[in-house]
C-alpha atoms as a PDB file:
ATOM      1  CA  UNK A   1     -49.776-110.227-294.631  1.00  0.00           C
ATOM      2  CA  UNK A   2     -46.821-108.057-295.596  1.00  0.00           C
ATOM      3  CA  UNK A   3     -48.767-106.585-298.498  1.00  0.00           C
ATOM      4  CA  UNK A   4     -51.680-105.644-296.231  1.00  0.00           C
ATOM      5  CA  UNK A   5     -49.306-104.038-293.724  1.00  0.00           C
ATOM      6  CA  UNK A   6     -47.602-102.012-296.468  1.00  0.00           C
ATOM      7  CA  UNK A   7     -50.969-100.791-297.709  1.00  0.00           C
ATOM      8  CA  UNK A   8     -52.067 -99.796-294.193  1.00  0.00           C
ATOM      9  CA  UNK A   9     -48.895 -97.797-293.595  1.00  0.00           C
ATOM     10  CA  UNK A  10     -49.100 -96.236-297.053  1.00  0.00           C
ATOM     11  CA  UNK A  11     -52.698 -95.086-296.700  1.00  0.00           C
ATOM     12  CA  UNK A  12     -51.939 -93.751-293.237  1.00  0.00           C
ATOM     13  CA  UNK A  13     -49.070 -91.797-294.771  1.00  0.00           C
ATOM     14  CA  UNK A  14     -51.381 -90.445-297.460  1.00  0.00           C
ATOM     15  CA  UNK A  15     -53.848 -89.293-294.804  1.00  0.00           C
ATOM     16  CA  UNK A  16     -51.086 -87.542-292.869  1.00  0.00           C
ATOM     17  CA  UNK A  17     -49.828 -85.955-296.078  1.00  0.00           C
ATOM     18  CA  UNK A  18     -53.316 -84.585-296.734  1.00  0.00           C
ATOM     19  CA  UNK A  19     -53.424 -83.124-293.232  1.00  0.00           C
ATOM     20  CA  UNK A  20     -50.030 -81.487-293.731  1.00  0.00           C
ATOM     21  CA  UNK A  21     -51.100 -80.072-297.100  1.00  0.00           C
ATOM     22  CA  UNK A  22     -54.163 -78.498-295.509  1.00  0.00           C
ATOM     23  CA  UNK A  23     -52.057 -77.176-292.622  1.00  0.00           C
ATOM     24  CA  UNK A  24     -49.498 -75.821-295.068  1.00  0.00           C
ATOM     25  CA  UNK A  25     -52.210 -74.046-297.028  1.00  0.00           C
ATOM     26  CA  UNK A  26     -53.669 -72.465-293.883  1.00  0.00           C
ATOM     27  CA  UNK A  27     -50.235 -71.416-292.652  1.00  0.00           C
ATOM     28  CA  UNK A  28     -49.453 -69.884-296.043  1.00  0.00           C
ATOM     29  CA  UNK A  29     -52.714 -67.944-295.886  1.00  0.00           C
ATOM     30  CA  UNK A  30     -51.839 -66.760-292.358  1.00  0.00           C
ATOM     31  CA  UNK A  31     -48.374 -65.692-293.494  1.00  0.00           C
ATOM     32  CA  UNK A  32     -49.766 -63.731-296.449  1.00  0.00           C
ATOM     33  CA  UNK A  33     -52.627 -62.173-294.494  1.00  0.00           C
ATOM     34  CA  UNK A  34     -50.460 -61.049-291.574  1.00  0.00           C
ATOM     35  CA  UNK A  35     -47.751 -59.762-293.894  1.00  0.00           C
ATOM     36  CA  UNK A  36     -50.251 -57.699-295.901  1.00  0.00           C
ATOM     37  CA  UNK A  37     -51.940 -56.322-292.790  1.00  0.00           C
ATOM     38  CA  UNK A  38     -48.667 -55.334-291.135  1.00  0.00           C
ATOM     39  CA  UNK A  39     -47.413 -53.679-294.322  1.00  0.00           C
ATOM     40  CA  UNK A  40     -50.643 -51.770-294.936  1.00  0.00           C
ATOM     41  CA  UNK A  41     -51.055 -50.584-291.342  1.00  0.00           C
ATOM     42  CA  UNK A  42     -47.467 -49.380-291.124  1.00  0.00           C
ATOM     43  CA  UNK A  43     -47.640 -47.729-294.543  1.00  0.00           C
ATOM     44  CA  UNK A  44     -50.690 -45.728-293.416  1.00  0.00           C
ATOM     45  CA  UNK A  45     -48.569 -44.087-290.713  1.00  0.00           C
ATOM     46  CA  UNK A  46     -46.258 -42.632-293.376  1.00  0.00           C
ATOM     47  CA  UNK A  47     -43.140 -42.970-291.202  1.00  0.00           C
ATOM     48  CA  UNK A  48     -39.770 -42.671-292.928  1.00  0.00           C
ATOM     49  CA  UNK A  49     -36.742 -44.257-291.291  1.00  0.00           C
ATOM     50  CA  UNK A  50     -34.202 -41.663-290.061  1.00  0.00           C
ATOM     51  CA  UNK A  51     -31.220 -40.736-292.165  1.00  0.00           C
ATOM     52  CA  UNK A  52     -28.505 -38.100-292.320  1.00  0.00           C
ATOM     53  CA  UNK A  53     -28.503 -35.672-289.390  1.00  0.00           C
ATOM     54  CA  UNK A  54     -31.240 -37.661-287.653  1.00  0.00           C
ATOM     55  CA  UNK A  55     -28.853 -40.611-287.467  1.00  0.00           C
ATOM     56  CA  UNK A  56     -25.857 -38.481-286.558  1.00  0.00           C
ATOM     57  CA  UNK A  57     -27.648 -37.228-283.439  1.00  0.00           C
ATOM     58  CA  UNK A  58     -28.077 -40.759-282.079  1.00  0.00           C
ATOM     59  CA  UNK A  59     -25.638 -42.880-280.073  1.00  0.00           C
ATOM     60  CA  UNK A  60     -23.389 -44.871-282.411  1.00  0.00           C
ATOM     61  CA  UNK A  61     -24.877 -48.249-281.451  1.00  0.00           C
ATOM     62  CA  UNK A  62     -28.389 -47.052-282.304  1.00  0.00           C
ATOM     63  CA  UNK A  63     -27.285 -45.329-285.514  1.00  0.00           C
ATOM     64  CA  UNK A  64     -25.499 -48.484-286.687  1.00  0.00           C
ATOM     65  CA  UNK A  65     -28.708 -50.517-286.371  1.00  0.00           C
ATOM     66  CA  UNK A  66     -30.777 -47.928-288.246  1.00  0.00           C
ATOM     67  CA  UNK A  67     -28.328 -47.300-291.103  1.00  0.00           C
ATOM     68  CA  UNK A  68     -29.506 -50.336-293.071  1.00  0.00           C
ATOM     69  CA  UNK A  69     -33.027 -48.835-293.230  1.00  0.00           C
ATOM     70  CA  UNK A  70     -32.032 -45.170-293.689  1.00  0.00           C
ATOM     71  CA  UNK A  71     -34.561 -43.196-295.729  1.00  0.00           C
ATOM     72  CA  UNK A  72     -36.872 -46.131-296.448  1.00  0.00           C
ATOM     73  CA  UNK A  73     -40.581 -46.193-295.531  1.00  0.00           C
ATOM     74  CA  UNK A  74     -41.337 -48.007-292.294  1.00  0.00           C
ATOM     75  CA  UNK A  75     -43.491 -50.877-293.554  1.00  0.00           C
ATOM     76  CA  UNK A  76     -42.097 -54.074-292.028  1.00  0.00           C
ATOM     77  CA  UNK A  77     -41.702 -55.705-288.624  1.00  0.00           C
ATOM     78  CA  UNK A  78     -37.892 -55.453-288.407  1.00  0.00           C
ATOM     79  CA  UNK A  79     -38.028 -51.765-289.344  1.00  0.00           C
ATOM     80  CA  UNK A  80     -40.697 -51.162-286.691  1.00  0.00           C
ATOM     81  CA  UNK A  81     -38.566 -52.814-284.012  1.00  0.00           C
ATOM     82  CA  UNK A  82     -35.471 -50.871-285.049  1.00  0.00           C
ATOM     83  CA  UNK A  83     -37.383 -47.568-285.040  1.00  0.00           C
ATOM     84  CA  UNK A  84     -38.974 -48.307-281.655  1.00  0.00           C
ATOM     85  CA  UNK A  85     -35.858 -49.558-279.870  1.00  0.00           C
ATOM     86  CA  UNK A  86     -33.150 -47.440-281.467  1.00  0.00           C
ATOM     87  CA  UNK A  87     -34.816 -44.154-282.407  1.00  0.00           C
ATOM     88  CA  UNK A  88     -37.827 -43.488-280.186  1.00  0.00           C
ATOM     89  CA  UNK A  89     -36.259 -45.070-277.110  1.00  0.00           C
ATOM     90  CA  UNK A  90     -32.960 -43.285-277.741  1.00  0.00           C
ATOM     91  CA  UNK A  91     -34.755 -39.911-277.776  1.00  0.00           C
ATOM     92  CA  UNK A  92     -36.770 -40.827-274.671  1.00  0.00           C
ATOM     93  CA  UNK A  93     -33.585 -41.737-272.821  1.00  0.00           C
ATOM     94  CA  UNK A  94     -31.865 -38.541-273.998  1.00  0.00           C
ATOM     95  CA  UNK A  95     -34.770 -36.428-272.719  1.00  0.00           C
ATOM     96  CA  UNK A  96     -34.624 -38.150-269.330  1.00  0.00           C
ATOM     97  CA  UNK A  97     -30.874 -37.750-269.028  1.00  0.00           C
ATOM     98  CA  UNK A  98     -31.024 -34.096-270.029  1.00  0.00           C
ATOM     99  CA  UNK A  99     -33.504 -33.260-267.251  1.00  0.00           C
ATOM    100  CA  UNK A 100     -32.782 -35.814-264.524  1.00  0.00           C
ATOM    101  CA  UNK A 101     -29.243 -36.921-265.322  1.00  0.00           C
ATOM    102  CA  UNK A 102     -30.372 -40.536-265.700  1.00  0.00           C
ATOM    103  CA  UNK A 103     -32.712 -42.714-267.699  1.00  0.00           C
ATOM    104  CA  UNK A 104     -36.171 -42.731-266.127  1.00  0.00           C
ATOM    105  CA  UNK A 105     -39.268 -44.818-266.716  1.00  0.00           C
ATOM    106  CA  UNK A 106     -42.611 -43.194-267.385  1.00  0.00           C
ATOM    107  CA  UNK A 107     -43.814 -44.028-263.866  1.00  0.00           C
ATOM    108  CA  UNK A 108     -40.795 -42.324-262.315  1.00  0.00           C
ATOM    109  CA  UNK A 109     -41.195 -39.179-264.419  1.00  0.00           C
ATOM    110  CA  UNK A 110     -44.939 -39.151-263.779  1.00  0.00           C
ATOM    111  CA  UNK A 111     -44.481 -39.406-260.016  1.00  0.00           C
ATOM    112  CA  UNK A 112     -41.987 -36.534-260.024  1.00  0.00           C
ATOM    113  CA  UNK A 113     -44.249 -34.400-262.241  1.00  0.00           C
ATOM    114  CA  UNK A 114     -47.254 -35.044-259.979  1.00  0.00           C
ATOM    115  CA  UNK A 115     -45.267 -34.154-256.870  1.00  0.00           C
ATOM    116  CA  UNK A 116     -44.008 -30.896-258.368  1.00  0.00           C
ATOM    117  CA  UNK A 117     -47.491 -30.059-259.667  1.00  0.00           C
ATOM    118  CA  UNK A 118     -49.018 -30.640-256.241  1.00  0.00           C
ATOM    119  CA  UNK A 119     -46.347 -28.521-254.557  1.00  0.00           C
ATOM    120  CA  UNK A 120     -46.917 -25.762-257.096  1.00  0.00           C
ATOM    121  CA  UNK A 121     -50.670 -25.838-256.486  1.00  0.00           C
ATOM    122  CA  UNK A 122     -50.163 -25.424-252.738  1.00  0.00           C
ATOM    123  CA  UNK A 123     -47.687 -22.577-253.140  1.00  0.00           C
ATOM    124  CA  UNK A 124     -49.459 -19.231-253.547  1.00  0.00           C
ATOM    125  CA  UNK A 125     -46.319 -17.485-254.747  1.00  0.00           C
ATOM    126  CA  UNK A 126     -44.154 -19.929-256.707  1.00  0.00           C
ATOM    127  CA  UNK A 127     -40.905 -18.687-258.124  1.00  0.00           C
ATOM    128  CA  UNK A 128     -40.246 -18.731-261.851  1.00  0.00           C
ATOM    129  CA  UNK A 129     -37.671 -21.479-261.317  1.00  0.00           C
ATOM    130  CA  UNK A 130     -40.252 -23.654-259.541  1.00  0.00           C
ATOM    131  CA  UNK A 131     -42.748 -23.096-262.325  1.00  0.00           C
ATOM    132  CA  UNK A 132     -40.139 -23.905-264.963  1.00  0.00           C
ATOM    133  CA  UNK A 133     -39.122 -27.081-263.156  1.00  0.00           C
ATOM    134  CA  UNK A 134     -42.721 -28.265-262.857  1.00  0.00           C
ATOM    135  CA  UNK A 135     -43.314 -27.499-266.536  1.00  0.00           C
ATOM    136  CA  UNK A 136     -40.140 -29.340-267.551  1.00  0.00           C
ATOM    137  CA  UNK A 137     -41.159 -32.464-265.656  1.00  0.00           C
ATOM    138  CA  UNK A 138     -44.687 -32.285-267.043  1.00  0.00           C
ATOM    139  CA  UNK A 139     -43.159 -32.079-270.508  1.00  0.00           C
ATOM    140  CA  UNK A 140     -40.942 -35.092-269.833  1.00  0.00           C
ATOM    141  CA  UNK A 141     -43.954 -37.019-268.563  1.00  0.00           C
ATOM    142  CA  UNK A 142     -45.840 -36.244-271.795  1.00  0.00           C
ATOM    143  CA  UNK A 143     -42.800 -37.145-273.924  1.00  0.00           C
ATOM    144  CA  UNK A 144     -42.375 -40.523-272.236  1.00  0.00           C
ATOM    145  CA  UNK A 145     -46.110 -41.242-272.423  1.00  0.00           C
ATOM    146  CA  UNK A 146     -46.230 -40.527-276.157  1.00  0.00           C
ATOM    147  CA  UNK A 147     -42.983 -42.402-276.754  1.00  0.00           C
ATOM    148  CA  UNK A 148     -44.082 -45.501-274.868  1.00  0.00           C
ATOM    149  CA  UNK A 149     -47.452 -45.485-276.628  1.00  0.00           C
ATOM    150  CA  UNK A 150     -45.891 -45.334-280.088  1.00  0.00           C
ATOM    151  CA  UNK A 151     -43.222 -47.879-279.153  1.00  0.00           C
ATOM    152  CA  UNK A 152     -45.895 -50.247-277.903  1.00  0.00           C
ATOM    153  CA  UNK A 153     -47.886 -50.003-281.134  1.00  0.00           C
ATOM    154  CA  UNK A 154     -44.801 -50.533-283.268  1.00  0.00           C
ATOM    155  CA  UNK A 155     -43.636 -53.500-281.211  1.00  0.00           C
ATOM    156  CA  UNK A 156     -47.104 -55.063-281.393  1.00  0.00           C
ATOM    157  CA  UNK A 157     -46.801 -54.802-285.160  1.00  0.00           C
ATOM    158  CA  UNK A 158     -43.352 -56.364-284.990  1.00  0.00           C
ATOM    159  CA  UNK A 159     -44.741 -59.235-282.896  1.00  0.00           C
ATOM    160  CA  UNK A 160     -47.488 -59.923-285.437  1.00  0.00           C
ATOM    161  CA  UNK A 161     -44.986 -59.723-288.285  1.00  0.00           C
ATOM    162  CA  UNK A 162     -42.820 -62.290-286.485  1.00  0.00           C
ATOM    163  CA  UNK A 163     -45.817 -64.583-286.071  1.00  0.00           C
ATOM    164  CA  UNK A 164     -46.424 -64.276-289.804  1.00  0.00           C
ATOM    165  CA  UNK A 165     -42.816 -65.188-290.527  1.00  0.00           C
ATOM    166  CA  UNK A 166     -43.043 -68.226-288.261  1.00  0.00           C
ATOM    167  CA  UNK A 167     -46.271 -69.266-290.016  1.00  0.00           C
ATOM    168  CA  UNK A 168     -44.461 -69.033-293.362  1.00  0.00           C
ATOM    169  CA  UNK A 169     -41.610 -71.219-292.123  1.00  0.00           C
ATOM    170  CA  UNK A 170     -44.080 -73.712-290.671  1.00  0.00           C
ATOM    171  CA  UNK A 171     -45.913 -73.798-294.019  1.00  0.00           C
ATOM    172  CA  UNK A 172     -42.701 -74.702-295.855  1.00  0.00           C
ATOM    173  CA  UNK A 173     -41.966 -77.446-293.312  1.00  0.00           C
ATOM    174  CA  UNK A 174     -45.524 -78.776-293.657  1.00  0.00           C
ATOM    175  CA  UNK A 175     -45.289 -78.893-297.457  1.00  0.00           C
ATOM    176  CA  UNK A 176     -41.910 -80.632-297.297  1.00  0.00           C
ATOM    177  CA  UNK A 177     -43.285 -83.149-294.794  1.00  0.00           C
ATOM    178  CA  UNK A 178     -46.300 -83.766-297.025  1.00  0.00           C
ATOM    179  CA  UNK A 179     -44.016 -84.302-300.003  1.00  0.00           C
ATOM    180  CA  UNK A 180     -41.880 -86.805-298.109  1.00  0.00           C
ATOM    181  CA  UNK A 181     -44.953 -88.693-296.920  1.00  0.00           C
ATOM    182  CA  UNK A 182     -46.400 -88.799-300.438  1.00  0.00           C
ATOM    183  CA  UNK A 183     -43.163 -90.275-301.766  1.00  0.00           C
ATOM    184  CA  UNK A 184     -43.005 -92.837-298.968  1.00  0.00           C
ATOM    185  CA  UNK A 185     -46.677 -93.715-299.406  1.00  0.00           C
ATOM    186  CA  UNK A 186     -46.143 -94.208-303.132  1.00  0.00           C
ATOM    187  CA  UNK A 187     -43.165 -96.453-302.457  1.00  0.00           C
ATOM    188  CA  UNK A 188     -45.190 -98.401-299.905  1.00  0.00           C
ATOM    189  CA  UNK A 189     -48.040 -99.029-302.346  1.00  0.00           C
ATOM    190  CA  UNK A 190     -45.542 -99.994-305.046  1.00  0.00           C
ATOM    191  CA  UNK A 191     -43.870-102.412-302.636  1.00  0.00           C
ATOM    192  CA  UNK A 192     -47.211-103.910-301.599  1.00  0.00           C
ATOM    193  CA  UNK A 193     -48.094-104.623-305.229  1.00  0.00           C
ATOM    194  CA  UNK A 194     -44.692-106.075-305.858  1.00  0.00           C
ATOM    195  CA  UNK A 195     -45.079-108.392-302.883  1.00  0.00           C
ATOM    196  CA  UNK A 196     -48.476-109.501-304.167  1.00  0.00           C
ATOM    197  CA  UNK A 197     -47.037-110.296-307.589  1.00  0.00           C
ATOM    198  CA  UNK A 198     -44.069-112.210-306.250  1.00  0.00           C
ATOM    199  CA  UNK A 199     -45.986-114.087-303.520  1.00  0.00           C
ATOM    200  CA  UNK A 200     -46.558-117.839-304.067  1.00  0.00           C
ATOM    201  CA  UNK A 201     -49.898-118.726-305.638  1.00  0.00           C
ATOM    202  CA  UNK A 202     -51.099-120.397-302.431  1.00  0.00           C
ATOM    203  CA  UNK A 203     -50.263-117.356-300.352  1.00  0.00           C
ATOM    204  CA  UNK A 204     -52.159-115.087-302.753  1.00  0.00           C
ATOM    205  CA  UNK A 205     -55.162-117.392-302.668  1.00  0.00           C
ATOM    206  CA  UNK A 206     -55.077-117.392-298.869  1.00  0.00           C
ATOM    207  CA  UNK A 207     -54.926-113.620-298.856  1.00  0.00           C
ATOM    208  CA  UNK A 208     -58.026-113.428-301.075  1.00  0.00           C
END
């Protein structure tokens, strides 16, 4: 009875190990595929991480994050996130503060630009100052639109790169789990055979 139970548990372990090996293989493929795609798509954009004066013009907190990537091609998820959150966003915020005195969202800048544009269209004789103000807000609207679009694309790439990293970690865990189960299954089969050999003759006959 004990021998049969050991064999059942062992073969179940072997089946689970096979499942984990397949899962590990698929997760490894996902990790490699996503990593290659993210790298290739970013590399096609030919973006170089800021360095020198480009870093000096940023707030210290943003510059500190970007220093580790200074001058390198943007071709990985962490670099994309750093560029999006600490370079593009920093310039977007600076543009807003320069014109409005505060950080604005795209919707806020767009609403202001539309209002000034509508007022300008209804005014038959706008002053130069009114025209300049409307143009400045239209420019800020375009800057924030372009910035948010590029940030979104970069952060999507970062999200996919993170998924690839998680898949790689999961693959390692799956392979380790499969290895443990294979060892335990081997020990279980060895124990079952040992029990059969050491069982009394009558017990072995009854088992047969």
